Amino acid sequence: MCGAVSLSLIPKQDELHACHCEQCRKWTGSAFVEIDAAKNTLEYDGPVKSYTSSDWAERAWCDRCGSTLWYKLTIPNNEFYGVAAGLFENAGNFTLAKEIYIDCKPDGFSFVGDHLTQTKSEVEALFASFGDGED
């Protein structure tokens, strides 16, 4: 929002993902809509701060204005950054491909279109499998 942080990435896919978990909703005030960064492509400069928000992730923001920047998995050997789609003009011109923690979504939230949905238990089982070396 203030321009103090600049970042670039190569998208892993040309698509958007939305997370409805309680942490993301508290952090962003809504669903966290993000773009997955391809491995080793996220570069940034500026006053970034982060907070370890769970056993497997941290969230980052601009330390000057507080803008949401990214969600990062902290599971060893699994680099993953979900970067806030709002940082990119027209959200990179991507369409929504996946919603996670769908069973935690507030009743008033609704995204249109046909896309993959995953429940809290499905997502957390996937996170648990990352410890087994899956990517």
N, C-alpha and C. Protein backbone atom coordinates (compact mmCIF):
# COMPACT_ATOMS: atom_id res chain seq x y z
N MET A 1 0.82 -1.19 0.00
CA MET A 1 0.00 0.00 0.00
C MET A 1 0.87 1.25 0.00
N CYS A 2 1.95 1.25 0.79
CA CYS A 2 2.77 2.45 0.89
C CYS A 2 3.93 2.46 -0.11
N GLY A 3 4.23 1.30 -0.71
CA GLY A 3 5.32 1.22 -1.68
C GLY A 3 6.69 0.95 -1.09
N ALA A 4 6.78 0.76 0.22
CA ALA A 4 8.09 0.54 0.85
C ALA A 4 8.67 -0.84 0.54
N VAL A 5 7.80 -1.80 0.26
CA VAL A 5 8.26 -3.15 -0.10
C VAL A 5 8.02 -3.37 -1.58
N SER A 6 9.04 -3.86 -2.25
CA SER A 6 8.86 -4.28 -3.65
C SER A 6 9.14 -5.77 -3.70
N LEU A 7 8.39 -6.47 -4.55
CA LEU A 7 8.62 -7.89 -4.68
C LEU A 7 8.34 -8.35 -6.09
N SER A 8 8.92 -9.49 -6.42
CA SER A 8 8.65 -10.12 -7.72
C SER A 8 8.67 -11.62 -7.52
N LEU A 9 8.01 -12.32 -8.42
CA LEU A 9 7.97 -13.77 -8.38
C LEU A 9 7.58 -14.29 -9.75
N ILE A 10 7.79 -15.56 -9.94
CA ILE A 10 7.24 -16.27 -11.09
C ILE A 10 6.14 -17.16 -10.52
N PRO A 11 4.91 -17.03 -11.02
CA PRO A 11 3.83 -17.86 -10.49
C PRO A 11 4.07 -19.34 -10.78
N LYS A 12 3.73 -20.17 -9.80
CA LYS A 12 3.82 -21.62 -10.00
C LYS A 12 2.79 -22.06 -11.03
N GLN A 13 1.60 -21.49 -10.96
CA GLN A 13 0.53 -21.68 -11.93
C GLN A 13 -0.13 -20.33 -12.16
N ASP A 14 -0.79 -20.20 -13.28
CA ASP A 14 -1.53 -18.96 -13.56
C ASP A 14 -2.92 -19.07 -12.95
N GLU A 15 -2.97 -19.07 -11.60
CA GLU A 15 -4.24 -19.24 -10.91
C GLU A 15 -4.19 -18.63 -9.51
N LEU A 16 -5.38 -18.39 -8.98
CA LEU A 16 -5.56 -17.87 -7.62
C LEU A 16 -6.07 -18.98 -6.71
N HIS A 17 -5.69 -18.88 -5.44
CA HIS A 17 -6.20 -19.78 -4.41
C HIS A 17 -6.72 -18.93 -3.26
N ALA A 18 -7.76 -19.41 -2.59
CA ALA A 18 -8.33 -18.70 -1.45
C ALA A 18 -8.34 -19.60 -0.23
N CYS A 19 -7.95 -19.05 0.91
CA CYS A 19 -7.95 -19.79 2.16
C CYS A 19 -8.95 -19.14 3.13
N HIS A 20 -9.80 -19.99 3.72
CA HIS A 20 -10.81 -19.52 4.65
C HIS A 20 -10.51 -19.91 6.09
N CYS A 21 -9.28 -20.32 6.40
CA CYS A 21 -8.98 -20.71 7.78
C CYS A 21 -9.13 -19.50 8.70
N GLU A 22 -9.29 -19.79 9.98
CA GLU A 22 -9.49 -18.72 10.96
C GLU A 22 -8.32 -17.75 11.00
N GLN A 23 -7.09 -18.29 10.91
CA GLN A 23 -5.90 -17.44 10.94
C GLN A 23 -5.90 -16.46 9.76
N CYS A 24 -6.15 -16.96 8.55
CA CYS A 24 -6.15 -16.08 7.38
C CYS A 24 -7.24 -15.03 7.46
N ARG A 25 -8.42 -15.43 7.93
CA ARG A 25 -9.51 -14.46 8.05
C ARG A 25 -9.18 -13.37 9.07
N LYS A 26 -8.55 -13.74 10.17
CA LYS A 26 -8.16 -12.73 11.17
C LYS A 26 -7.05 -11.84 10.62
N TRP A 27 -6.14 -12.42 9.87
CA TRP A 27 -4.98 -11.70 9.33
C TRP A 27 -5.38 -10.71 8.25
N THR A 28 -6.30 -11.11 7.37
CA THR A 28 -6.65 -10.25 6.23
C THR A 28 -8.00 -9.56 6.37
N GLY A 29 -8.83 -10.04 7.29
CA GLY A 29 -10.17 -9.50 7.41
C GLY A 29 -11.16 -10.17 6.47
N SER A 30 -10.70 -11.17 5.74
CA SER A 30 -11.53 -11.88 4.77
C SER A 30 -10.80 -13.17 4.43
N ALA A 31 -11.14 -13.76 3.31
CA ALA A 31 -10.35 -14.90 2.82
C ALA A 31 -9.01 -14.37 2.32
N PHE A 32 -7.96 -15.17 2.46
CA PHE A 32 -6.66 -14.81 1.91
C PHE A 32 -6.61 -15.35 0.49
N VAL A 33 -6.62 -14.46 -0.49
CA VAL A 33 -6.53 -14.85 -1.89
C VAL A 33 -5.09 -14.63 -2.32
N GLU A 34 -4.49 -15.70 -2.87
CA GLU A 34 -3.06 -15.67 -3.11
C GLU A 34 -2.65 -16.32 -4.43
N ILE A 35 -1.41 -16.05 -4.79
CA ILE A 35 -0.75 -16.64 -5.95
C ILE A 35 0.44 -17.44 -5.41
N ASP A 36 0.52 -18.71 -5.78
CA ASP A 36 1.66 -19.53 -5.37
C ASP A 36 2.89 -19.11 -6.16
N ALA A 37 3.99 -18.87 -5.46
CA ALA A 37 5.25 -18.54 -6.12
C ALA A 37 5.98 -19.83 -6.48
N ALA A 38 6.55 -19.89 -7.68
CA ALA A 38 7.40 -21.03 -8.05
C ALA A 38 8.61 -21.03 -7.13
N LYS A 39 9.17 -22.19 -6.88
CA LYS A 39 10.31 -22.32 -5.97
C LYS A 39 11.46 -21.39 -6.37
N ASN A 40 12.04 -20.78 -5.36
CA ASN A 40 13.23 -19.93 -5.50
C ASN A 40 13.02 -18.72 -6.41
N THR A 41 11.78 -18.23 -6.55
CA THR A 41 11.57 -17.07 -7.42
C THR A 41 11.12 -15.82 -6.69
N LEU A 42 10.68 -15.95 -5.44
CA LEU A 42 10.23 -14.76 -4.71
C LEU A 42 11.45 -13.94 -4.30
N GLU A 43 11.45 -12.69 -4.73
CA GLU A 43 12.49 -11.74 -4.34
C GLU A 43 11.79 -10.50 -3.81
N TYR A 44 12.36 -9.93 -2.75
CA TYR A 44 11.74 -8.74 -2.17
C TYR A 44 12.80 -7.83 -1.57
N ASP A 45 12.38 -6.60 -1.38
CA ASP A 45 13.23 -5.60 -0.76
C ASP A 45 12.33 -4.67 0.04
N GLY A 46 12.76 -4.30 1.21
CA GLY A 46 11.99 -3.37 2.02
C GLY A 46 11.75 -3.89 3.42
N PRO A 47 11.00 -3.13 4.22
CA PRO A 47 10.80 -3.45 5.63
C PRO A 47 9.75 -4.55 5.85
N VAL A 48 10.18 -5.81 5.74
CA VAL A 48 9.28 -6.95 5.90
C VAL A 48 9.43 -7.52 7.31
N LYS A 49 8.32 -7.80 7.93
CA LYS A 49 8.28 -8.49 9.22
C LYS A 49 7.44 -9.75 9.05
N SER A 50 7.70 -10.74 9.89
CA SER A 50 6.91 -11.97 9.83
C SER A 50 6.58 -12.46 11.22
N TYR A 51 5.59 -13.32 11.28
CA TYR A 51 5.10 -13.87 12.53
C TYR A 51 4.83 -15.36 12.33
N THR A 52 5.37 -16.20 13.20
CA THR A 52 5.08 -17.63 13.15
C THR A 52 3.69 -17.82 13.73
N SER A 53 2.76 -18.17 12.85
CA SER A 53 1.34 -18.18 13.22
C SER A 53 0.79 -19.58 13.49
N SER A 54 1.56 -20.62 13.20
CA SER A 54 1.12 -21.99 13.47
C SER A 54 2.36 -22.88 13.51
N ASP A 55 2.14 -24.16 13.70
CA ASP A 55 3.25 -25.11 13.73
C ASP A 55 3.91 -25.28 12.37
N TRP A 56 3.25 -24.82 11.31
CA TRP A 56 3.78 -25.06 9.97
C TRP A 56 3.88 -23.81 9.10
N ALA A 57 3.61 -22.63 9.63
CA ALA A 57 3.60 -21.47 8.75
C ALA A 57 3.92 -20.16 9.46
N GLU A 58 4.30 -19.19 8.64
CA GLU A 58 4.47 -17.82 9.11
C GLU A 58 3.82 -16.89 8.09
N ARG A 59 3.47 -15.71 8.56
CA ARG A 59 2.84 -14.71 7.71
C ARG A 59 3.69 -13.45 7.74
N ALA A 60 3.77 -12.78 6.60
CA ALA A 60 4.62 -11.59 6.49
C ALA A 60 3.79 -10.38 6.08
N TRP A 61 4.29 -9.20 6.47
CA TRP A 61 3.62 -7.93 6.17
C TRP A 61 4.66 -6.84 6.03
N CYS A 62 4.24 -5.73 5.46
CA CYS A 62 5.09 -4.54 5.37
C CYS A 62 5.14 -3.91 6.76
N ASP A 63 6.35 -3.66 7.26
CA ASP A 63 6.48 -3.10 8.60
C ASP A 63 6.16 -1.60 8.65
N ARG A 64 6.04 -0.97 7.51
CA ARG A 64 5.68 0.45 7.50
C ARG A 64 4.17 0.64 7.54
N CYS A 65 3.43 -0.04 6.64
CA CYS A 65 1.99 0.21 6.56
C CYS A 65 1.13 -0.97 6.98
N GLY A 66 1.74 -2.14 7.17
CA GLY A 66 0.99 -3.31 7.63
C GLY A 66 0.35 -4.14 6.53
N SER A 67 0.58 -3.82 5.27
CA SER A 67 -0.03 -4.58 4.18
C SER A 67 0.38 -6.05 4.23
N THR A 68 -0.59 -6.91 3.99
CA THR A 68 -0.36 -8.34 3.90
C THR A 68 0.53 -8.64 2.71
N LEU A 69 1.56 -9.48 2.91
CA LEU A 69 2.48 -9.82 1.82
C LEU A 69 2.40 -11.29 1.42
N TRP A 70 2.72 -12.18 2.35
CA TRP A 70 2.69 -13.60 1.99
C TRP A 70 2.53 -14.49 3.20
N TYR A 71 2.15 -15.72 2.86
CA TYR A 71 2.06 -16.85 3.78
C TYR A 71 3.18 -17.80 3.35
N LYS A 72 3.98 -18.26 4.30
CA LYS A 72 5.11 -19.14 3.99
C LYS A 72 5.03 -20.40 4.84
N LEU A 73 5.14 -21.57 4.19
CA LEU A 73 5.24 -22.81 4.95
C LEU A 73 6.61 -22.89 5.58
N THR A 74 6.67 -23.35 6.82
CA THR A 74 7.95 -23.48 7.52
C THR A 74 8.32 -24.95 7.71
N ILE A 75 7.61 -25.84 7.04
CA ILE A 75 7.92 -27.27 7.10
C ILE A 75 9.25 -27.49 6.40
N PRO A 76 10.20 -28.16 7.05
CA PRO A 76 11.53 -28.36 6.44
C PRO A 76 11.44 -28.99 5.05
N ASN A 77 12.31 -28.52 4.17
CA ASN A 77 12.44 -29.03 2.79
C ASN A 77 11.21 -28.82 1.92
N ASN A 78 10.38 -27.85 2.27
CA ASN A 78 9.18 -27.55 1.49
C ASN A 78 9.04 -26.04 1.35
N GLU A 79 9.70 -25.48 0.35
CA GLU A 79 9.56 -24.05 0.14
C GLU A 79 8.21 -23.75 -0.50
N PHE A 80 7.41 -22.94 0.16
CA PHE A 80 6.13 -22.52 -0.39
C PHE A 80 5.83 -21.11 0.09
N TYR A 81 5.53 -20.25 -0.85
CA TYR A 81 5.06 -18.90 -0.57
C TYR A 81 3.75 -18.69 -1.30
N GLY A 82 2.71 -18.33 -0.56
CA GLY A 82 1.45 -17.88 -1.13
C GLY A 82 1.44 -16.37 -0.98
N VAL A 83 1.55 -15.67 -2.10
CA VAL A 83 1.72 -14.21 -2.09
C VAL A 83 0.37 -13.54 -2.34
N ALA A 84 0.08 -12.52 -1.56
CA ALA A 84 -1.21 -11.82 -1.65
C ALA A 84 -1.49 -11.37 -3.07
N ALA A 85 -2.61 -11.84 -3.61
CA ALA A 85 -2.98 -11.53 -4.99
C ALA A 85 -3.22 -10.04 -5.19
N GLY A 86 -3.64 -9.35 -4.15
CA GLY A 86 -3.91 -7.92 -4.25
C GLY A 86 -2.69 -7.07 -4.52
N LEU A 87 -1.51 -7.65 -4.40
CA LEU A 87 -0.28 -6.91 -4.69
C LEU A 87 -0.02 -6.77 -6.19
N PHE A 88 -0.78 -7.51 -6.98
CA PHE A 88 -0.57 -7.53 -8.43
C PHE A 88 -1.76 -6.92 -9.16
N GLU A 89 -1.46 -6.16 -10.18
CA GLU A 89 -2.51 -5.52 -10.98
C GLU A 89 -3.53 -6.56 -11.43
N ASN A 90 -4.79 -6.31 -11.13
CA ASN A 90 -5.90 -7.20 -11.49
C ASN A 90 -5.62 -8.65 -11.07
N ALA A 91 -4.96 -8.83 -9.93
CA ALA A 91 -4.62 -10.15 -9.39
C ALA A 91 -3.92 -11.02 -10.43
N GLY A 92 -3.06 -10.39 -11.21
CA GLY A 92 -2.29 -11.12 -12.22
C GLY A 92 -3.12 -11.61 -13.39
N ASN A 93 -4.37 -11.17 -13.48
CA ASN A 93 -5.31 -11.64 -14.50
C ASN A 93 -5.60 -13.13 -14.40
N PHE A 94 -5.44 -13.69 -13.19
CA PHE A 94 -5.68 -15.11 -12.98
C PHE A 94 -7.10 -15.33 -12.49
N THR A 95 -7.59 -16.57 -12.61
CA THR A 95 -8.91 -16.93 -12.10
C THR A 95 -8.75 -17.86 -10.90
N LEU A 96 -9.78 -17.92 -10.09
CA LEU A 96 -9.77 -18.74 -8.89
C LEU A 96 -9.79 -20.22 -9.27
N ALA A 97 -8.83 -20.99 -8.76
CA ALA A 97 -8.73 -22.42 -9.06
C ALA A 97 -8.97 -23.30 -7.83
N LYS A 98 -8.81 -22.72 -6.62
CA LYS A 98 -8.94 -23.56 -5.42
C LYS A 98 -9.32 -22.72 -4.21
N GLU A 99 -10.17 -23.31 -3.36
CA GLU A 99 -10.49 -22.76 -2.05
C GLU A 99 -10.18 -23.84 -1.01
N ILE A 100 -9.44 -23.44 0.04
CA ILE A 100 -9.14 -24.38 1.11
C ILE A 100 -9.79 -23.93 2.42
N TYR A 101 -9.91 -24.88 3.33
CA TYR A 101 -10.63 -24.68 4.59
C TYR A 101 -12.06 -24.25 4.29
N ILE A 102 -12.63 -24.87 3.28
CA ILE A 102 -13.96 -24.49 2.80
C ILE A 102 -15.02 -24.68 3.89
N ASP A 103 -14.80 -25.66 4.78
CA ASP A 103 -15.77 -25.90 5.84
C ASP A 103 -15.67 -24.88 6.97
N CYS A 104 -14.68 -23.98 6.91
CA CYS A 104 -14.53 -22.91 7.89
C CYS A 104 -15.02 -21.56 7.35
N LYS A 105 -15.44 -21.55 6.10
CA LYS A 105 -15.86 -20.32 5.42
C LYS A 105 -17.12 -19.76 6.06
N PRO A 106 -17.15 -18.46 6.34
CA PRO A 106 -18.39 -17.85 6.83
C PRO A 106 -19.52 -18.00 5.81
N ASP A 107 -20.73 -18.12 6.28
CA ASP A 107 -21.88 -18.33 5.39
C ASP A 107 -22.01 -17.24 4.33
N GLY A 108 -21.62 -16.03 4.65
CA GLY A 108 -21.79 -14.92 3.71
C GLY A 108 -20.73 -14.85 2.62
N PHE A 109 -19.71 -15.70 2.67
CA PHE A 109 -18.65 -15.68 1.66
C PHE A 109 -19.01 -16.66 0.55
N SER A 110 -18.90 -16.22 -0.69
CA SER A 110 -19.19 -17.11 -1.80
C SER A 110 -18.40 -16.68 -3.03
N PHE A 111 -17.57 -17.58 -3.53
CA PHE A 111 -16.85 -17.34 -4.77
C PHE A 111 -17.54 -18.12 -5.88
N VAL A 112 -17.71 -17.51 -7.02
CA VAL A 112 -18.39 -18.17 -8.14
C VAL A 112 -17.42 -19.01 -8.96
N GLY A 113 -17.97 -19.87 -9.76
CA GLY A 113 -17.17 -20.67 -10.68
C GLY A 113 -16.87 -22.05 -10.14
N ASP A 114 -16.49 -22.91 -11.06
CA ASP A 114 -16.16 -24.28 -10.73
C ASP A 114 -14.67 -24.37 -10.42
N HIS A 115 -14.33 -24.79 -9.21
CA HIS A 115 -12.94 -24.91 -8.81
C HIS A 115 -12.82 -25.94 -7.68
N LEU A 116 -11.61 -26.38 -7.43
CA LEU A 116 -11.33 -27.35 -6.38
C LEU A 116 -11.62 -26.74 -5.01
N THR A 117 -12.23 -27.53 -4.13
CA THR A 117 -12.41 -27.12 -2.74
C THR A 117 -11.85 -28.22 -1.84
N GLN A 118 -11.25 -27.81 -0.72
CA GLN A 118 -10.71 -28.76 0.25
C GLN A 118 -11.10 -28.32 1.65
N THR A 119 -11.43 -29.30 2.48
CA THR A 119 -11.80 -29.05 3.87
C THR A 119 -10.56 -28.88 4.74
N LYS A 120 -10.79 -28.47 5.96
CA LYS A 120 -9.71 -28.33 6.93
C LYS A 120 -8.95 -29.65 7.09
N SER A 121 -9.67 -30.77 7.26
CA SER A 121 -8.99 -32.05 7.47
C SER A 121 -8.20 -32.48 6.23
N GLU A 122 -8.71 -32.20 5.04
CA GLU A 122 -7.96 -32.53 3.82
C GLU A 122 -6.67 -31.72 3.71
N VAL A 123 -6.75 -30.44 4.00
CA VAL A 123 -5.57 -29.57 3.91
C VAL A 123 -4.54 -29.96 4.96
N GLU A 124 -4.98 -30.18 6.18
CA GLU A 124 -4.03 -30.50 7.23
C GLU A 124 -3.41 -31.89 7.05
N ALA A 125 -4.11 -32.82 6.43
CA ALA A 125 -3.52 -34.12 6.09
C ALA A 125 -2.43 -33.93 5.04
N LEU A 126 -2.67 -33.02 4.11
CA LEU A 126 -1.66 -32.72 3.10
C LEU A 126 -0.43 -32.10 3.75
N PHE A 127 -0.62 -31.14 4.66
CA PHE A 127 0.51 -30.54 5.38
C PHE A 127 1.30 -31.61 6.14
N ALA A 128 0.59 -32.53 6.79
CA ALA A 128 1.25 -33.59 7.55
C ALA A 128 2.09 -34.47 6.63
N SER A 129 1.63 -34.69 5.41
CA SER A 129 2.37 -35.55 4.47
C SER A 129 3.66 -34.88 4.02
N PHE A 130 3.75 -33.56 4.10
CA PHE A 130 4.97 -32.86 3.70
C PHE A 130 6.16 -33.30 4.55
N GLY A 131 5.92 -33.66 5.79
CA GLY A 131 6.98 -34.15 6.66
C GLY A 131 7.54 -35.49 6.19
N ASP A 132 6.77 -36.18 5.31
CA ASP A 132 7.22 -37.45 4.75
C ASP A 132 8.01 -37.27 3.47
N GLY A 133 8.27 -36.00 3.09
CA GLY A 133 9.05 -35.73 1.91
C GLY A 133 8.24 -35.46 0.66
N GLU A 134 6.92 -35.49 0.74
CA GLU A 134 6.11 -35.15 -0.42
C GLU A 134 6.18 -33.66 -0.66
N ASP A 135 6.01 -33.25 -1.91
CA ASP A 135 6.08 -31.82 -2.24
C ASP A 135 4.80 -31.36 -2.88
